[in-house]
N, C-alpha and C. Protein backbone atom coordinates (compact mmCIF):
# COMPACT_ATOMS: atom_id res chain seq x y z
N UNK A 1 0.83 -1.19 0.00
CA UNK A 1 0.00 0.00 0.00
C UNK A 1 0.87 1.25 0.00
N UNK A 2 2.17 1.05 0.18
CA UNK A 2 3.06 2.20 0.22
C UNK A 2 3.22 2.80 -1.17
N UNK A 3 3.12 4.10 -1.25
CA UNK A 3 3.31 4.79 -2.51
C UNK A 3 2.08 4.86 -3.40
N UNK A 4 0.92 4.44 -2.91
CA UNK A 4 -0.29 4.45 -3.73
C UNK A 4 -0.77 5.89 -3.95
N UNK A 5 -0.74 6.70 -2.90
CA UNK A 5 -1.22 8.09 -3.01
C UNK A 5 -0.34 8.89 -3.96
N UNK A 6 1.01 8.86 -3.83
CA UNK A 6 1.82 9.63 -4.79
C UNK A 6 1.63 9.15 -6.23
N UNK A 7 1.45 7.85 -6.42
CA UNK A 7 1.24 7.34 -7.79
C UNK A 7 -0.12 7.80 -8.31
N UNK A 8 -1.14 7.82 -7.46
CA UNK A 8 -2.46 8.30 -7.88
C UNK A 8 -2.40 9.79 -8.24
N UNK A 9 -1.70 10.58 -7.43
CA UNK A 9 -1.57 12.02 -7.73
C UNK A 9 -0.79 12.23 -9.03
N UNK A 10 0.28 11.45 -9.23
CA UNK A 10 1.05 11.56 -10.47
C UNK A 10 0.19 11.18 -11.66
N UNK A 11 -0.66 10.19 -11.51
CA UNK A 11 -1.55 9.76 -12.60
C UNK A 11 -2.55 10.88 -12.94
N UNK A 12 -3.13 11.49 -11.91
CA UNK A 12 -4.10 12.59 -12.15
C UNK A 12 -3.39 13.76 -12.83
N UNK A 13 -2.20 14.12 -12.33
CA UNK A 13 -1.46 15.24 -12.93
C UNK A 13 -1.08 14.92 -14.38
N UNK A 14 -0.65 13.68 -14.65
CA UNK A 14 -0.29 13.31 -16.01
C UNK A 14 -1.51 13.36 -16.93
N UNK A 15 -2.66 12.94 -16.43
CA UNK A 15 -3.90 13.00 -17.24
C UNK A 15 -4.26 14.45 -17.56
N UNK A 16 -4.13 15.35 -16.58
CA UNK A 16 -4.43 16.77 -16.83
C UNK A 16 -3.45 17.37 -17.84
N UNK A 17 -2.15 17.06 -17.66
CA UNK A 17 -1.14 17.59 -18.58
C UNK A 17 -1.38 17.03 -19.99
N UNK A 18 -1.69 15.75 -20.11
CA UNK A 18 -1.96 15.17 -21.43
C UNK A 18 -3.17 15.86 -22.07
N UNK A 19 -4.19 16.12 -21.29
CA UNK A 19 -5.38 16.80 -21.81
C UNK A 19 -5.04 18.20 -22.30
N UNK A 20 -4.22 18.93 -21.53
CA UNK A 20 -3.82 20.29 -21.92
C UNK A 20 -3.00 20.24 -23.20
N UNK A 21 -2.05 19.31 -23.28
CA UNK A 21 -1.19 19.25 -24.47
C UNK A 21 -2.02 18.88 -25.69
N UNK A 22 -2.92 17.90 -25.58
CA UNK A 22 -3.72 17.46 -26.73
C UNK A 22 -4.65 18.58 -27.19
N UNK A 23 -5.36 19.21 -26.27
CA UNK A 23 -6.30 20.27 -26.66
C UNK A 23 -5.56 21.49 -27.20
N UNK A 24 -4.43 21.83 -26.60
CA UNK A 24 -3.67 22.99 -27.09
C UNK A 24 -3.11 22.71 -28.48
N UNK A 25 -2.74 21.47 -28.76
CA UNK A 25 -2.22 21.14 -30.09
C UNK A 25 -3.34 21.17 -31.13
N UNK A 26 -4.57 20.89 -30.77
CA UNK A 26 -5.69 20.92 -31.72
C UNK A 26 -6.07 22.36 -32.09
N UNK A 27 -5.89 23.25 -31.16
CA UNK A 27 -6.32 24.63 -31.40
C UNK A 27 -5.36 25.34 -32.36
N UNK A 28 -4.12 25.06 -32.36
CA UNK A 28 -3.08 25.67 -33.20
C UNK A 28 -3.06 27.18 -33.09
N UNK A 29 -3.43 27.73 -31.97
CA UNK A 29 -3.50 29.18 -31.86
C UNK A 29 -2.46 29.74 -30.93
N UNK A 30 -1.61 28.91 -30.40
CA UNK A 30 -0.59 29.39 -29.48
C UNK A 30 -1.18 29.69 -28.12
N UNK A 31 -2.28 29.02 -27.79
CA UNK A 31 -2.88 29.23 -26.48
C UNK A 31 -2.95 27.89 -25.74
N UNK A 32 -3.05 28.00 -24.41
CA UNK A 32 -3.12 26.82 -23.55
C UNK A 32 -4.59 26.61 -23.23
N UNK A 33 -5.12 25.39 -23.58
CA UNK A 33 -6.54 25.11 -23.45
C UNK A 33 -6.71 23.89 -22.54
N UNK A 34 -7.71 24.00 -21.63
CA UNK A 34 -8.05 22.88 -20.75
C UNK A 34 -9.55 22.75 -20.72
N UNK A 35 -10.06 21.56 -21.05
CA UNK A 35 -11.50 21.26 -21.09
C UNK A 35 -12.27 22.28 -21.94
N UNK A 36 -11.69 22.63 -23.04
CA UNK A 36 -12.37 23.54 -23.98
C UNK A 36 -12.26 25.01 -23.59
N UNK A 37 -11.67 25.40 -22.55
CA UNK A 37 -11.52 26.79 -22.12
C UNK A 37 -10.07 27.21 -22.31
N UNK A 38 -9.86 28.34 -22.77
CA UNK A 38 -8.52 28.87 -22.96
C UNK A 38 -8.06 29.44 -21.63
N UNK A 39 -6.92 28.92 -21.17
CA UNK A 39 -6.38 29.39 -19.89
C UNK A 39 -5.45 30.59 -20.10
N UNK A 40 -4.59 30.50 -21.11
CA UNK A 40 -3.62 31.55 -21.40
C UNK A 40 -3.38 31.56 -22.91
N UNK A 41 -3.10 32.74 -23.47
CA UNK A 41 -2.74 32.85 -24.89
C UNK A 41 -1.40 33.57 -24.99
N UNK A 42 -0.31 32.91 -24.71
CA UNK A 42 0.99 33.58 -24.71
C UNK A 42 1.63 33.68 -26.10
N UNK A 43 1.17 32.97 -27.01
CA UNK A 43 1.77 32.95 -28.34
C UNK A 43 2.31 31.54 -28.61
N UNK A 44 2.87 31.39 -29.85
CA UNK A 44 3.27 30.05 -30.25
C UNK A 44 4.52 29.59 -29.50
N UNK A 45 5.61 30.39 -29.55
CA UNK A 45 6.84 29.94 -28.89
C UNK A 45 6.68 29.81 -27.38
N UNK A 46 6.20 30.78 -26.66
CA UNK A 46 6.02 30.60 -25.21
C UNK A 46 5.02 29.48 -24.90
N UNK A 47 4.02 29.29 -25.74
CA UNK A 47 3.04 28.21 -25.53
C UNK A 47 3.70 26.83 -25.62
N UNK A 48 4.61 26.68 -26.61
CA UNK A 48 5.33 25.42 -26.75
C UNK A 48 6.20 25.18 -25.52
N UNK A 49 6.88 26.23 -25.07
CA UNK A 49 7.73 26.10 -23.87
C UNK A 49 6.89 25.75 -22.64
N UNK A 50 5.72 26.35 -22.53
CA UNK A 50 4.84 26.03 -21.39
C UNK A 50 4.37 24.58 -21.46
N UNK A 51 3.99 24.13 -22.67
CA UNK A 51 3.56 22.73 -22.82
C UNK A 51 4.71 21.76 -22.52
N UNK A 52 5.93 22.11 -22.94
CA UNK A 52 7.10 21.27 -22.64
C UNK A 52 7.35 21.22 -21.13
N UNK A 53 7.21 22.35 -20.47
CA UNK A 53 7.41 22.40 -19.02
C UNK A 53 6.34 21.58 -18.31
N UNK A 54 5.09 21.64 -18.79
CA UNK A 54 4.03 20.83 -18.20
C UNK A 54 4.33 19.33 -18.39
N UNK A 55 4.79 18.94 -19.58
CA UNK A 55 5.12 17.53 -19.84
C UNK A 55 6.29 17.10 -18.95
N UNK A 56 7.29 17.97 -18.80
CA UNK A 56 8.42 17.64 -17.92
C UNK A 56 7.96 17.52 -16.46
N UNK A 57 7.00 18.36 -16.06
CA UNK A 57 6.51 18.26 -14.68
C UNK A 57 5.75 16.95 -14.46
N UNK A 58 5.06 16.46 -15.49
CA UNK A 58 4.37 15.17 -15.38
C UNK A 58 5.40 14.05 -15.23
N UNK A 59 6.48 14.12 -16.03
CA UNK A 59 7.53 13.11 -15.91
C UNK A 59 8.19 13.18 -14.53
N UNK A 60 8.41 14.40 -14.05
CA UNK A 60 8.99 14.56 -12.72
C UNK A 60 8.05 14.03 -11.65
N UNK A 61 6.75 14.24 -11.79
CA UNK A 61 5.78 13.72 -10.83
C UNK A 61 5.84 12.20 -10.78
N UNK A 62 5.96 11.57 -11.97
CA UNK A 62 6.05 10.10 -12.00
C UNK A 62 7.35 9.61 -11.36
N UNK A 63 8.45 10.29 -11.65
CA UNK A 63 9.72 9.84 -11.07
C UNK A 63 9.70 10.01 -9.55
N UNK A 64 9.11 11.09 -9.04
CA UNK A 64 9.00 11.28 -7.59
C UNK A 64 8.10 10.21 -6.98
N UNK A 65 6.97 9.91 -7.63
CA UNK A 65 6.05 8.90 -7.09
C UNK A 65 6.70 7.52 -7.06
N UNK A 66 7.40 7.17 -8.14
CA UNK A 66 8.04 5.85 -8.20
C UNK A 66 9.17 5.76 -7.18
N UNK A 67 9.97 6.83 -7.08
CA UNK A 67 11.07 6.79 -6.10
C UNK A 67 10.53 6.75 -4.68
N UNK A 68 9.41 7.45 -4.43
CA UNK A 68 8.81 7.39 -3.09
C UNK A 68 8.33 5.97 -2.79
N UNK A 69 7.68 5.34 -3.78
CA UNK A 69 7.19 3.96 -3.58
C UNK A 69 8.35 3.01 -3.36
N UNK A 70 9.40 3.15 -4.18
CA UNK A 70 10.57 2.28 -4.00
C UNK A 70 11.24 2.52 -2.65
N UNK A 71 11.30 3.80 -2.26
CA UNK A 71 11.89 4.13 -0.96
C UNK A 71 11.10 3.50 0.19
N UNK A 72 9.78 3.57 0.09
CA UNK A 72 8.94 2.97 1.13
C UNK A 72 9.12 1.44 1.17
N UNK A 73 9.17 0.81 -0.03
CA UNK A 73 9.38 -0.64 -0.07
C UNK A 73 10.75 -1.01 0.49
N UNK A 74 11.75 -0.22 0.12
CA UNK A 74 13.09 -0.47 0.63
C UNK A 74 13.14 -0.29 2.15
N UNK A 75 12.47 0.73 2.62
CA UNK A 75 12.41 0.98 4.07
C UNK A 75 11.72 -0.18 4.80
N UNK A 76 10.63 -0.68 4.23
CA UNK A 76 9.93 -1.81 4.83
C UNK A 76 10.78 -3.08 4.80
N UNK A 77 11.46 -3.30 3.67
CA UNK A 77 12.31 -4.48 3.57
C UNK A 77 13.48 -4.40 4.56
N UNK A 78 14.07 -3.21 4.67
CA UNK A 78 15.17 -3.04 5.62
C UNK A 78 14.68 -3.23 7.05
N UNK A 79 13.49 -2.72 7.35
CA UNK A 79 12.92 -2.90 8.69
C UNK A 79 12.68 -4.38 8.97
N UNK A 80 12.17 -5.10 7.95
CA UNK A 80 11.93 -6.54 8.12
C UNK A 80 13.25 -7.29 8.31
N UNK A 81 14.26 -6.93 7.53
CA UNK A 81 15.57 -7.58 7.69
C UNK A 81 16.18 -7.26 9.05
N UNK A 82 16.02 -6.03 9.49
CA UNK A 82 16.54 -5.64 10.79
C UNK A 82 15.81 -6.40 11.91
N UNK A 83 14.48 -6.51 11.78
CA UNK A 83 13.73 -7.29 12.76
C UNK A 83 14.17 -8.76 12.75
N UNK A 84 14.38 -9.30 11.54
CA UNK A 84 14.84 -10.68 11.42
C UNK A 84 16.22 -10.85 12.04
N UNK A 85 17.09 -9.86 11.81
CA UNK A 85 18.44 -9.91 12.38
C UNK A 85 18.38 -9.85 13.90
N UNK A 86 17.55 -8.96 14.43
CA UNK A 86 17.41 -8.88 15.89
C UNK A 86 16.82 -10.16 16.47
N UNK A 87 15.86 -10.75 15.75
CA UNK A 87 15.27 -12.02 16.20
C UNK A 87 16.33 -13.12 16.19
N UNK A 88 17.16 -13.13 15.14
CA UNK A 88 18.24 -14.12 15.06
C UNK A 88 19.24 -13.92 16.20
N UNK A 89 19.59 -12.66 16.47
CA UNK A 89 20.51 -12.38 17.58
C UNK A 89 19.90 -12.79 18.92
N UNK A 90 18.60 -12.53 19.07
CA UNK A 90 17.93 -12.92 20.32
C UNK A 90 17.90 -14.43 20.46
N UNK A 91 17.63 -15.13 19.35
CA UNK A 91 17.62 -16.60 19.41
C UNK A 91 19.02 -17.13 19.71
N UNK A 92 20.03 -16.53 19.10
CA UNK A 92 21.41 -16.95 19.36
C UNK A 92 21.78 -16.68 20.82
N UNK A 93 21.37 -15.51 21.32
CA UNK A 93 21.66 -15.19 22.72
C UNK A 93 20.95 -16.17 23.66
N UNK A 94 19.71 -16.51 23.32
CA UNK A 94 18.98 -17.49 24.14
C UNK A 94 19.66 -18.85 24.07
N UNK A 95 20.12 -19.24 22.88
CA UNK A 95 20.84 -20.50 22.73
C UNK A 95 22.15 -20.49 23.51
N UNK A 96 22.86 -19.36 23.45
CA UNK A 96 24.12 -19.25 24.21
C UNK A 96 23.85 -19.32 25.71
N UNK A 97 22.77 -18.68 26.14
CA UNK A 97 22.42 -18.72 27.56
C UNK A 97 22.07 -20.15 27.99
N UNK A 98 21.30 -20.83 27.16
CA UNK A 98 20.94 -22.23 27.48
C UNK A 98 22.19 -23.11 27.46
N UNK A 99 23.06 -22.88 26.47
CA UNK A 99 24.30 -23.66 26.40
C UNK A 99 25.16 -23.39 27.63
N UNK A 100 25.22 -22.14 28.06
CA UNK A 100 26.00 -21.81 29.26
C UNK A 100 25.42 -22.49 30.48
N UNK A 101 24.08 -22.54 30.56
CA UNK A 101 23.44 -23.25 31.67
C UNK A 101 23.77 -24.73 31.66
N UNK A 102 23.71 -25.33 30.46
CA UNK A 102 24.05 -26.75 30.34
C UNK A 102 25.51 -26.99 30.70
N UNK A 103 26.37 -26.09 30.24
CA UNK A 103 27.79 -26.25 30.54
C UNK A 103 28.05 -26.10 32.03
N UNK A 104 27.36 -25.17 32.68
CA UNK A 104 27.54 -25.00 34.13
C UNK A 104 27.13 -26.28 34.86
N UNK A 105 26.01 -26.86 34.45
CA UNK A 105 25.59 -28.13 35.05
C UNK A 105 26.57 -29.24 34.76
N UNK A 106 27.07 -29.26 33.54
CA UNK A 106 28.03 -30.30 33.14
C UNK A 106 29.35 -30.13 33.90
N UNK A 107 29.77 -28.87 34.12
CA UNK A 107 31.00 -28.63 34.87
C UNK A 107 30.86 -29.13 36.30
N UNK A 108 29.70 -28.86 36.91
CA UNK A 108 29.47 -29.35 38.26
C UNK A 108 29.49 -30.87 38.28
N UNK A 109 28.86 -31.48 37.29
CA UNK A 109 28.85 -32.95 37.20
C UNK A 109 30.26 -33.49 37.00
N UNK A 110 31.05 -32.82 36.16
CA UNK A 110 32.43 -33.27 35.92
C UNK A 110 33.29 -33.09 37.17
N UNK A 111 33.05 -32.02 37.93
CA UNK A 111 33.80 -31.84 39.18
C UNK A 111 33.49 -32.96 40.16
N UNK A 112 32.20 -33.29 40.27
CA UNK A 112 31.81 -34.39 41.14
C UNK A 112 32.45 -35.70 40.68
N UNK A 113 32.40 -35.93 39.37
CA UNK A 113 33.01 -37.14 38.83
C UNK A 113 34.52 -37.14 39.06
N UNK A 114 35.15 -35.99 38.91
CA UNK A 114 36.59 -35.88 39.15
C UNK A 114 36.92 -36.16 40.61
N UNK A 115 36.09 -35.65 41.51
CA UNK A 115 36.30 -35.92 42.94
C UNK A 115 36.16 -37.42 43.23
N UNK A 116 35.14 -38.04 42.63
CA UNK A 116 34.94 -39.48 42.83
C UNK A 116 36.13 -40.27 42.28
N UNK A 117 36.60 -39.89 41.10
CA UNK A 117 37.73 -40.58 40.50
C UNK A 117 39.01 -40.39 41.32
N UNK A 118 39.19 -39.18 41.85
CA UNK A 118 40.37 -38.92 42.69
C UNK A 118 40.31 -39.76 43.96
N UNK A 119 39.14 -39.82 44.56
CA UNK A 119 38.97 -40.64 45.76
C UNK A 119 39.23 -42.11 45.44
N UNK A 120 38.70 -42.58 44.33
CA UNK A 120 38.89 -43.98 43.93
C UNK A 120 40.37 -44.24 43.63
N UNK A 121 41.05 -43.29 42.98
CA UNK A 121 42.47 -43.44 42.70
C UNK A 121 43.27 -43.54 44.01
N UNK A 122 42.92 -42.69 44.99
CA UNK A 122 43.61 -42.75 46.28
C UNK A 122 43.40 -44.11 46.95
N UNK A 123 42.17 -44.64 46.84
CA UNK A 123 41.90 -45.97 47.41
C UNK A 123 42.74 -47.04 46.71
N UNK A 124 42.81 -46.96 45.39
CA UNK A 124 43.57 -47.96 44.63
C UNK A 124 45.06 -47.84 44.94
N UNK A 125 45.55 -46.60 45.07
CA UNK A 125 46.97 -46.42 45.42
C UNK A 125 47.24 -47.02 46.80
N UNK A 126 46.32 -46.81 47.73
CA UNK A 126 46.50 -47.40 49.07
C UNK A 126 46.49 -48.93 48.99
N UNK A 127 45.56 -49.49 48.17
CA UNK A 127 45.52 -50.94 48.00
C UNK A 127 46.81 -51.45 47.36
N UNK A 128 47.32 -50.73 46.38
CA UNK A 128 48.56 -51.15 45.73
C UNK A 128 49.74 -51.08 46.71
N UNK A 129 49.76 -50.07 47.55
CA UNK A 129 50.83 -49.97 48.56
C UNK A 129 50.75 -51.14 49.53
N UNK A 130 49.53 -51.48 49.94
CA UNK A 130 49.34 -52.62 50.83
C UNK A 130 49.81 -53.90 50.14
N UNK A 131 49.46 -54.05 48.84
CA UNK A 131 49.88 -55.24 48.08
C UNK A 131 51.40 -55.28 47.96
N UNK A 132 52.03 -54.10 47.76
CA UNK A 132 53.49 -54.04 47.68
C UNK A 132 54.13 -54.49 48.99
N UNK A 133 53.59 -53.99 50.11
CA UNK A 133 54.14 -54.38 51.42
C UNK A 133 53.96 -55.88 51.63
N UNK A 134 52.78 -56.39 51.30
CA UNK A 134 52.54 -57.83 51.48
C UNK A 134 53.47 -58.65 50.59
N UNK A 135 53.66 -58.17 49.35
CA UNK A 135 54.56 -58.86 48.43
C UNK A 135 55.98 -58.87 48.97
N UNK A 136 56.42 -57.72 49.48
CA UNK A 136 57.79 -57.67 50.03
C UNK A 136 57.90 -58.56 51.27
N UNK A 137 56.82 -58.60 52.08
CA UNK A 137 56.83 -59.49 53.26
C UNK A 137 56.87 -60.96 52.80
N UNK A 138 56.08 -61.30 51.76
CA UNK A 138 56.09 -62.67 51.25
C UNK A 138 57.44 -63.03 50.64
N UNK A 139 58.08 -62.08 49.96
CA UNK A 139 59.42 -62.34 49.41
C UNK A 139 60.43 -62.58 50.52
N UNK A 140 60.30 -61.73 51.55
CA UNK A 140 61.23 -61.90 52.68
C UNK A 140 60.98 -63.26 53.33
N UNK A 141 59.71 -63.64 53.48
CA UNK A 141 59.38 -64.93 54.06
C UNK A 141 59.89 -66.06 53.17
N UNK A 142 59.74 -65.90 51.84
CA UNK A 142 60.22 -66.90 50.91
C UNK A 142 61.74 -67.02 50.98
N UNK A 143 62.42 -65.88 51.05
CA UNK A 143 63.88 -65.91 51.17
C UNK A 143 64.30 -66.61 52.47
N UNK A 144 63.60 -66.30 53.56
CA UNK A 144 63.90 -66.97 54.83
C UNK A 144 63.67 -68.48 54.70
N UNK A 145 62.59 -68.85 54.03
CA UNK A 145 62.28 -70.27 53.86
C UNK A 145 63.37 -70.95 53.04
N UNK A 146 63.81 -70.28 51.96
CA UNK A 146 64.86 -70.87 51.11
C UNK A 146 66.16 -71.04 51.91
N UNK A 147 66.48 -70.02 52.71
CA UNK A 147 67.70 -70.13 53.53
C UNK A 147 67.57 -71.26 54.53
N UNK A 148 66.43 -71.35 55.19
CA UNK A 148 66.26 -72.41 56.18
C UNK A 148 66.22 -73.77 55.51
N UNK A 149 65.66 -73.84 54.28
CA UNK A 149 65.62 -75.10 53.55
C UNK A 149 67.04 -75.55 53.20
N UNK A 150 67.86 -74.60 52.78
CA UNK A 150 69.25 -74.94 52.45
C UNK A 150 69.97 -75.44 53.71
N UNK A 151 69.70 -74.79 54.84
CA UNK A 151 70.32 -75.23 56.08
C UNK A 151 69.84 -76.62 56.45
N UNK A 152 68.53 -76.89 56.25
CA UNK A 152 67.99 -78.20 56.57
C UNK A 152 68.54 -79.27 55.63
N UNK A 153 68.75 -78.91 54.37
CA UNK A 153 69.30 -79.88 53.42
C UNK A 153 70.74 -80.22 53.77
N UNK A 154 71.45 -79.25 54.30
CA UNK A 154 72.83 -79.54 54.72
C UNK A 154 72.82 -80.53 55.88
N UNK A 155 71.81 -80.57 56.69
CA UNK A 155 71.72 -81.46 57.84
C UNK A 155 71.19 -82.84 57.46
N UNK A 156 70.69 -83.02 56.26
CA UNK A 156 70.07 -84.27 55.85
C UNK A 156 71.13 -85.37 55.77
N UNK A 157 70.81 -86.47 56.33
CA UNK A 157 71.74 -87.60 56.35
C UNK A 157 71.20 -88.65 55.38
N UNK A 158 72.03 -89.10 54.45
CA UNK A 158 71.63 -90.10 53.48
C UNK A 158 72.12 -91.44 54.01
N UNK A 159 71.19 -92.35 54.13
CA UNK A 159 71.52 -93.69 54.63
C UNK A 159 71.75 -94.60 53.44
N UNK A 160 72.94 -95.16 53.28
CA UNK A 160 73.22 -95.97 52.13
C UNK A 160 72.50 -97.30 52.15
N UNK A 161 72.14 -97.84 53.27
CA UNK A 161 71.48 -99.13 53.32
C UNK A 161 70.11 -99.05 52.68
N UNK A 162 69.43 -97.96 52.84
CA UNK A 162 68.08 -97.85 52.30
C UNK A 162 68.15 -97.88 50.78
N UNK A 163 69.10 -97.19 50.22
CA UNK A 163 69.20 -97.17 48.77
C UNK A 163 69.59 -98.54 48.25
N UNK A 164 70.44 -99.28 48.96
CA UNK A 164 70.82 -100.62 48.54
C UNK A 164 69.63 -101.56 48.62
N UNK A 165 68.86 -101.42 49.65
CA UNK A 165 67.68 -102.27 49.84
C UNK A 165 66.70 -102.06 48.69
N UNK A 166 66.49 -100.82 48.28
CA UNK A 166 65.59 -100.51 47.18
C UNK A 166 66.11 -101.11 45.87
N UNK A 167 67.40 -101.04 45.63
CA UNK A 167 67.99 -101.56 44.41
C UNK A 167 67.86 -103.08 44.39
N UNK A 168 68.04 -103.75 45.51
CA UNK A 168 67.93 -105.19 45.60
C UNK A 168 66.50 -105.63 45.32
N UNK A 169 65.50 -104.97 45.84
CA UNK A 169 64.10 -105.33 45.61
C UNK A 169 63.73 -105.15 44.14
N UNK A 170 64.24 -104.14 43.53
CA UNK A 170 63.97 -103.93 42.10
C UNK A 170 64.56 -105.08 41.28
N UNK A 171 65.72 -105.43 41.58
CA UNK A 171 66.38 -106.50 40.84
C UNK A 171 65.62 -107.79 41.00
N UNK A 172 65.09 -108.06 42.18
CA UNK A 172 64.33 -109.28 42.42
C UNK A 172 63.04 -109.26 41.61
N UNK A 173 62.40 -108.13 41.55
CA UNK A 173 61.18 -108.02 40.79
C UNK A 173 61.42 -108.25 39.31
N UNK A 174 62.49 -107.76 38.83
CA UNK A 174 62.82 -107.93 37.41
C UNK A 174 63.13 -109.39 37.09
N UNK A 175 63.82 -110.01 37.95
CA UNK A 175 64.16 -111.42 37.68
C UNK A 175 62.91 -112.28 37.78
N UNK A 176 61.99 -111.93 38.67
CA UNK A 176 60.74 -112.68 38.81
C UNK A 176 59.88 -112.47 37.55
N UNK A 177 59.93 -111.35 37.01
CA UNK A 177 59.13 -111.05 35.80
C UNK A 177 59.74 -111.78 34.61
N UNK A 178 61.02 -111.90 34.53
CA UNK A 178 61.65 -112.57 33.41
C UNK A 178 61.40 -114.09 33.47
N UNK A 179 61.43 -114.66 34.63
CA UNK A 179 61.21 -116.09 34.75
C UNK A 179 59.76 -116.44 34.51
N UNK A 180 58.87 -115.58 34.70
CA UNK A 180 57.48 -115.94 34.50
C UNK A 180 57.10 -115.78 33.12
């Protein structure tokens, strides 16, 4: 609806100017005529100049009306784009605010998780230290056992009669098996 009034006024002015030019050209008397009435009789040359000026004013009226309409459309389009840009910025700001809220919650959750993991790591380190101490105690016990075993083996007395007795029984069994 923007620019309708200036275009309507330019149309009315152009119609009046066209009527003046057409009627003045029919009269051929060097006078300016509108609706059959003579408005001015300046002569041929000034009459032509007046008609040219009226035609130029009609063209100027149209150019002003069209530029006004285009200006109004451009203004409306720019306002719509500006509103769209502000809406986009508002949506982005709302998204950033929501993202910041989510991140704040996530940071708190990660801190809690980090605390739990640190506590669990401390427990595992304590368990590993206990296992290390137990392992070193078991190694020391094993070393003591090996030393005492070596000492006990040095005290072991081998009785030769027992080994001879075992060898004799084996030989008897073999000879009994061969004869049967």
